[in-house]
Amino acid sequence: MAAAPPKSAAGPVKLCVGECRPELRAQSSQLYSFAPSMLALTPGRGPESGGTKVTIVGENLGAGSAAIVLFGNQTCELYSLSVDRAAAPGSLAFEYIEDPTVQRVEPLWSIAR
């Protein structure tokens, strides 16, 4: 997973109160830019077939109107996005490992009712 989100262009902060009608809109006179950065990724590996729930920690991840997470060219389903002040330095890596296989089942019998 590359930790290089696209840079955001500077722009004004826009605010709507209630309905976003022209008379209820405000816009800042200053320009702002928020560059997302990823600090941690857990767990660091999961099966090739997918299904691993991954937590990404970073700064300014909520900047912008939509959050999109990709592993390579595979889009991930976003379950939740929360903002806090957590920080965890380090490089990010995610390793795809071979899917697990069932080698033995015990007991080999069951009682049906």
N, C-alpha and C. Protein backbone atom coordinates (compact mmCIF):
# COMPACT_ATOMS: atom_id res chain seq x y z
N MET A 1 0.85 -1.16 0.00
CA MET A 1 0.00 0.00 0.00
C MET A 1 0.89 1.22 0.00
N ALA A 2 0.74 2.07 -0.95
CA ALA A 2 1.53 3.29 -1.03
C ALA A 2 0.92 4.34 -0.12
N ALA A 3 1.75 4.98 0.67
CA ALA A 3 1.27 6.00 1.60
C ALA A 3 1.47 7.38 0.99
N ALA A 4 0.95 7.59 -0.19
CA ALA A 4 1.11 8.87 -0.87
C ALA A 4 -0.22 9.33 -1.43
N PRO A 5 -1.11 9.86 -0.56
CA PRO A 5 -2.38 10.36 -1.08
C PRO A 5 -2.17 11.57 -1.97
N PRO A 6 -3.10 11.83 -2.88
CA PRO A 6 -2.94 12.98 -3.76
C PRO A 6 -2.96 14.28 -2.97
N LYS A 7 -2.16 15.23 -3.42
CA LYS A 7 -2.13 16.53 -2.76
C LYS A 7 -3.41 17.28 -3.07
N SER A 8 -3.91 18.01 -2.07
CA SER A 8 -5.14 18.77 -2.28
C SER A 8 -4.78 20.21 -2.64
N ALA A 9 -5.56 20.78 -3.53
CA ALA A 9 -5.36 22.16 -3.92
C ALA A 9 -5.92 23.07 -2.83
N ALA A 10 -5.28 24.19 -2.62
CA ALA A 10 -5.76 25.15 -1.62
C ALA A 10 -7.07 25.76 -2.10
N GLY A 11 -7.95 26.03 -1.15
CA GLY A 11 -9.24 26.63 -1.49
C GLY A 11 -9.90 27.18 -0.25
N PRO A 12 -10.99 27.90 -0.42
CA PRO A 12 -11.70 28.46 0.72
C PRO A 12 -12.49 27.38 1.45
N VAL A 13 -12.76 27.61 2.72
CA VAL A 13 -13.64 26.73 3.49
C VAL A 13 -15.05 27.21 3.24
N LYS A 14 -15.94 26.28 2.84
CA LYS A 14 -17.33 26.63 2.56
C LYS A 14 -18.21 26.03 3.64
N LEU A 15 -19.21 26.79 4.08
CA LEU A 15 -20.07 26.36 5.17
C LEU A 15 -21.52 26.64 4.82
N CYS A 16 -22.38 25.65 5.03
CA CYS A 16 -23.82 25.80 4.87
C CYS A 16 -24.47 25.51 6.21
N VAL A 17 -25.49 26.27 6.56
CA VAL A 17 -26.24 26.03 7.79
C VAL A 17 -27.63 25.56 7.39
N GLY A 18 -28.00 24.35 7.85
CA GLY A 18 -29.29 23.79 7.44
C GLY A 18 -29.27 23.48 5.96
N GLU A 19 -30.24 24.00 5.23
CA GLU A 19 -30.25 23.83 3.78
C GLU A 19 -29.14 24.68 3.18
N CYS A 20 -28.63 24.26 2.06
CA CYS A 20 -27.51 24.98 1.46
C CYS A 20 -28.01 25.99 0.42
N ARG A 21 -28.92 26.84 0.87
CA ARG A 21 -29.43 27.91 0.00
C ARG A 21 -28.42 29.06 0.02
N PRO A 22 -28.39 29.89 -1.03
CA PRO A 22 -27.41 30.98 -1.11
C PRO A 22 -27.39 31.89 0.11
N GLU A 23 -28.54 32.18 0.68
CA GLU A 23 -28.57 33.09 1.84
C GLU A 23 -28.07 32.41 3.13
N LEU A 24 -27.87 31.10 3.10
CA LEU A 24 -27.38 30.38 4.28
C LEU A 24 -25.95 29.88 4.10
N ARG A 25 -25.25 30.39 3.09
CA ARG A 25 -23.88 29.97 2.81
C ARG A 25 -22.87 31.01 3.29
N ALA A 26 -21.71 30.52 3.70
CA ALA A 26 -20.59 31.40 4.05
C ALA A 26 -19.32 30.79 3.46
N GLN A 27 -18.34 31.63 3.18
CA GLN A 27 -17.09 31.17 2.59
C GLN A 27 -15.95 31.98 3.18
N SER A 28 -14.86 31.32 3.54
CA SER A 28 -13.72 32.02 4.13
C SER A 28 -13.00 32.85 3.07
N SER A 29 -12.36 33.90 3.53
CA SER A 29 -11.57 34.72 2.61
C SER A 29 -10.15 34.15 2.46
N GLN A 30 -9.71 33.35 3.43
CA GLN A 30 -8.39 32.72 3.36
C GLN A 30 -8.48 31.37 2.65
N LEU A 31 -7.37 30.96 2.07
CA LEU A 31 -7.30 29.66 1.41
C LEU A 31 -6.64 28.65 2.35
N TYR A 32 -7.15 27.44 2.36
CA TYR A 32 -6.63 26.38 3.22
C TYR A 32 -6.31 25.15 2.38
N SER A 33 -5.34 24.37 2.85
CA SER A 33 -5.00 23.11 2.20
C SER A 33 -4.71 22.09 3.28
N PHE A 34 -5.26 20.90 3.15
CA PHE A 34 -5.04 19.83 4.11
C PHE A 34 -4.48 18.64 3.36
N ALA A 35 -3.24 18.30 3.66
CA ALA A 35 -2.60 17.15 3.01
C ALA A 35 -2.76 15.92 3.91
N PRO A 36 -3.53 14.92 3.48
CA PRO A 36 -3.67 13.71 4.29
C PRO A 36 -2.34 12.97 4.41
N SER A 37 -2.07 12.40 5.58
CA SER A 37 -0.89 11.56 5.75
C SER A 37 -1.26 10.35 6.59
N MET A 38 -0.75 9.19 6.21
CA MET A 38 -1.02 7.95 6.93
C MET A 38 0.16 7.62 7.82
N LEU A 39 -0.13 7.28 9.08
CA LEU A 39 0.92 7.01 10.06
C LEU A 39 1.02 5.54 10.45
N ALA A 40 -0.09 4.83 10.44
CA ALA A 40 -0.07 3.43 10.87
C ALA A 40 -1.13 2.63 10.13
N LEU A 41 -0.86 1.35 9.95
CA LEU A 41 -1.77 0.42 9.29
C LEU A 41 -1.74 -0.89 10.07
N THR A 42 -2.89 -1.32 10.60
CA THR A 42 -2.95 -2.58 11.33
C THR A 42 -4.18 -3.37 10.91
N PRO A 43 -4.10 -4.68 10.79
CA PRO A 43 -2.87 -5.49 10.85
C PRO A 43 -2.02 -5.25 9.62
N GLY A 44 -0.81 -5.75 9.65
CA GLY A 44 0.11 -5.54 8.54
C GLY A 44 0.02 -6.58 7.44
N ARG A 45 -0.86 -7.59 7.62
CA ARG A 45 -1.00 -8.60 6.58
C ARG A 45 -2.36 -9.27 6.68
N GLY A 46 -2.75 -9.94 5.58
CA GLY A 46 -4.03 -10.63 5.54
C GLY A 46 -4.10 -11.54 4.33
N PRO A 47 -5.10 -12.42 4.28
CA PRO A 47 -5.19 -13.41 3.20
C PRO A 47 -5.44 -12.77 1.84
N GLU A 48 -4.94 -13.42 0.81
CA GLU A 48 -5.11 -12.93 -0.56
C GLU A 48 -6.57 -12.81 -0.95
N SER A 49 -7.42 -13.66 -0.39
CA SER A 49 -8.83 -13.63 -0.75
C SER A 49 -9.57 -12.44 -0.15
N GLY A 50 -8.93 -11.69 0.74
CA GLY A 50 -9.54 -10.49 1.30
C GLY A 50 -10.32 -10.77 2.57
N GLY A 51 -11.11 -9.79 2.98
CA GLY A 51 -11.93 -9.91 4.16
C GLY A 51 -11.29 -9.41 5.44
N THR A 52 -10.05 -8.98 5.39
CA THR A 52 -9.37 -8.48 6.58
C THR A 52 -9.85 -7.07 6.90
N LYS A 53 -10.26 -6.85 8.16
CA LYS A 53 -10.62 -5.50 8.59
C LYS A 53 -9.33 -4.78 8.96
N VAL A 54 -9.09 -3.63 8.32
CA VAL A 54 -7.84 -2.89 8.47
C VAL A 54 -8.14 -1.54 9.11
N THR A 55 -7.26 -1.12 10.02
CA THR A 55 -7.36 0.20 10.63
C THR A 55 -6.22 1.06 10.11
N ILE A 56 -6.57 2.25 9.60
CA ILE A 56 -5.57 3.20 9.11
C ILE A 56 -5.62 4.41 10.04
N VAL A 57 -4.46 4.80 10.56
CA VAL A 57 -4.36 5.96 11.43
C VAL A 57 -3.55 7.01 10.69
N GLY A 58 -3.99 8.26 10.75
CA GLY A 58 -3.26 9.32 10.07
C GLY A 58 -3.76 10.69 10.44
N GLU A 59 -3.29 11.66 9.72
CA GLU A 59 -3.68 13.05 9.94
C GLU A 59 -4.39 13.57 8.70
N ASN A 60 -5.41 14.36 8.92
CA ASN A 60 -6.21 14.99 7.85
C ASN A 60 -6.85 13.97 6.92
N LEU A 61 -7.14 12.77 7.43
CA LEU A 61 -7.78 11.75 6.59
C LEU A 61 -9.23 12.10 6.29
N GLY A 62 -9.82 12.95 7.10
CA GLY A 62 -11.21 13.36 6.88
C GLY A 62 -11.32 14.62 6.03
N ALA A 63 -10.21 15.15 5.54
CA ALA A 63 -10.25 16.36 4.71
C ALA A 63 -10.84 16.02 3.35
N GLY A 64 -11.74 16.85 2.87
CA GLY A 64 -12.36 16.60 1.57
C GLY A 64 -13.75 16.04 1.73
N SER A 65 -14.40 15.80 0.62
CA SER A 65 -15.80 15.38 0.67
C SER A 65 -15.98 13.87 0.66
N ALA A 66 -14.96 13.11 0.32
CA ALA A 66 -15.12 11.66 0.26
C ALA A 66 -13.81 10.98 0.64
N ALA A 67 -13.92 9.86 1.33
CA ALA A 67 -12.74 9.07 1.67
C ALA A 67 -12.76 7.81 0.81
N ILE A 68 -11.66 7.53 0.13
CA ILE A 68 -11.53 6.35 -0.71
C ILE A 68 -10.26 5.63 -0.29
N VAL A 69 -10.35 4.33 -0.05
CA VAL A 69 -9.20 3.53 0.35
C VAL A 69 -8.93 2.49 -0.73
N LEU A 70 -7.69 2.44 -1.20
CA LEU A 70 -7.28 1.47 -2.22
C LEU A 70 -6.09 0.66 -1.71
N PHE A 71 -6.08 -0.64 -1.98
CA PHE A 71 -4.90 -1.48 -1.80
C PHE A 71 -4.51 -1.87 -3.22
N GLY A 72 -3.45 -1.25 -3.73
CA GLY A 72 -3.13 -1.41 -5.15
C GLY A 72 -4.24 -0.77 -5.95
N ASN A 73 -4.89 -1.53 -6.81
CA ASN A 73 -6.01 -0.99 -7.57
C ASN A 73 -7.35 -1.52 -7.06
N GLN A 74 -7.33 -2.18 -5.89
CA GLN A 74 -8.55 -2.76 -5.31
C GLN A 74 -9.19 -1.78 -4.32
N THR A 75 -10.42 -1.37 -4.62
CA THR A 75 -11.15 -0.46 -3.73
C THR A 75 -11.64 -1.22 -2.51
N CYS A 76 -11.49 -0.61 -1.33
CA CYS A 76 -11.93 -1.22 -0.08
C CYS A 76 -13.24 -0.60 0.37
N GLU A 77 -14.05 -1.40 1.05
CA GLU A 77 -15.30 -0.89 1.61
C GLU A 77 -14.97 -0.16 2.91
N LEU A 78 -15.45 1.07 3.04
CA LEU A 78 -15.18 1.88 4.21
C LEU A 78 -16.31 1.69 5.22
N TYR A 79 -15.98 1.12 6.39
CA TYR A 79 -16.99 0.88 7.42
C TYR A 79 -17.20 2.08 8.31
N SER A 80 -16.13 2.74 8.71
CA SER A 80 -16.28 3.91 9.57
C SER A 80 -15.06 4.80 9.43
N LEU A 81 -15.27 6.05 9.74
CA LEU A 81 -14.20 7.05 9.72
C LEU A 81 -14.34 7.84 11.00
N SER A 82 -13.32 7.81 11.84
CA SER A 82 -13.36 8.60 13.07
C SER A 82 -12.11 9.46 13.14
N VAL A 83 -12.26 10.60 13.75
CA VAL A 83 -11.17 11.57 13.81
C VAL A 83 -10.76 11.73 15.27
N ASP A 84 -9.49 11.56 15.54
CA ASP A 84 -8.95 11.82 16.87
C ASP A 84 -7.53 12.36 16.71
N ARG A 85 -6.82 12.42 17.78
CA ARG A 85 -5.47 12.99 17.72
C ARG A 85 -4.39 11.92 17.92
N ALA A 86 -4.68 10.69 17.55
CA ALA A 86 -3.71 9.61 17.71
C ALA A 86 -2.56 9.77 16.73
N ALA A 87 -1.37 9.37 17.15
CA ALA A 87 -0.20 9.42 16.27
C ALA A 87 0.65 8.18 16.52
N ALA A 88 1.10 7.55 15.46
CA ALA A 88 1.96 6.38 15.57
C ALA A 88 2.97 6.41 14.44
N PRO A 89 4.21 6.81 14.72
CA PRO A 89 5.20 6.91 13.64
C PRO A 89 5.59 5.54 13.11
N GLY A 90 6.06 5.50 11.89
CA GLY A 90 6.53 4.26 11.29
C GLY A 90 6.12 4.16 9.84
N SER A 91 6.72 3.20 9.15
CA SER A 91 6.37 3.01 7.75
C SER A 91 5.16 2.10 7.65
N LEU A 92 4.45 2.19 6.54
CA LEU A 92 3.25 1.40 6.33
C LEU A 92 3.54 0.26 5.37
N ALA A 93 3.03 -0.91 5.70
CA ALA A 93 3.16 -2.05 4.80
C ALA A 93 2.00 -2.99 5.06
N PHE A 94 1.51 -3.64 4.01
CA PHE A 94 0.49 -4.66 4.15
C PHE A 94 0.92 -5.83 3.29
N GLU A 95 1.00 -7.01 3.89
CA GLU A 95 1.47 -8.20 3.18
C GLU A 95 0.30 -9.15 2.95
N TYR A 96 0.11 -9.55 1.71
CA TYR A 96 -0.89 -10.57 1.40
C TYR A 96 -0.25 -11.93 1.64
N ILE A 97 -0.88 -12.75 2.48
CA ILE A 97 -0.36 -14.07 2.76
C ILE A 97 -1.29 -15.12 2.17
N GLU A 98 -0.78 -16.33 2.02
CA GLU A 98 -1.58 -17.42 1.44
C GLU A 98 -2.81 -17.68 2.30
N ASP A 99 -3.94 -17.94 1.66
CA ASP A 99 -5.17 -18.25 2.39
C ASP A 99 -4.95 -19.48 3.26
N PRO A 100 -5.53 -19.50 4.47
CA PRO A 100 -5.37 -20.67 5.33
C PRO A 100 -6.11 -21.88 4.76
N THR A 101 -5.62 -23.07 5.08
CA THR A 101 -6.28 -24.30 4.66
C THR A 101 -6.58 -25.15 5.89
N VAL A 102 -7.68 -25.88 5.85
CA VAL A 102 -8.04 -26.78 6.94
C VAL A 102 -7.28 -28.08 6.72
N GLN A 103 -6.46 -28.46 7.71
CA GLN A 103 -5.66 -29.68 7.58
C GLN A 103 -6.26 -30.84 8.36
N ARG A 104 -7.05 -30.54 9.39
CA ARG A 104 -7.61 -31.61 10.20
C ARG A 104 -8.85 -31.09 10.91
N VAL A 105 -9.85 -31.95 11.06
CA VAL A 105 -11.07 -31.62 11.80
C VAL A 105 -11.26 -32.69 12.86
N GLU A 106 -11.45 -32.29 14.10
CA GLU A 106 -11.68 -33.24 15.17
C GLU A 106 -12.89 -32.81 15.98
N PRO A 107 -13.74 -33.67 16.42
CA PRO A 107 -13.78 -35.10 16.11
C PRO A 107 -14.26 -35.32 14.69
N LEU A 108 -14.07 -36.52 14.19
CA LEU A 108 -14.46 -36.85 12.83
C LEU A 108 -15.92 -37.31 12.75
N TRP A 109 -16.67 -37.20 13.83
CA TRP A 109 -18.07 -37.62 13.87
C TRP A 109 -18.88 -36.60 14.66
N SER A 110 -20.19 -36.67 14.55
CA SER A 110 -21.06 -35.81 15.34
C SER A 110 -22.35 -36.56 15.64
N ILE A 111 -23.12 -36.07 16.58
CA ILE A 111 -24.40 -36.67 16.94
C ILE A 111 -25.49 -35.72 16.49
N ALA A 112 -26.37 -36.19 15.60
CA ALA A 112 -27.48 -35.36 15.11
C ALA A 112 -28.71 -35.66 15.95
N ARG A 113 -29.48 -34.65 16.27
CA ARG A 113 -30.71 -34.85 17.05
C ARG A 113 -31.90 -34.68 16.18
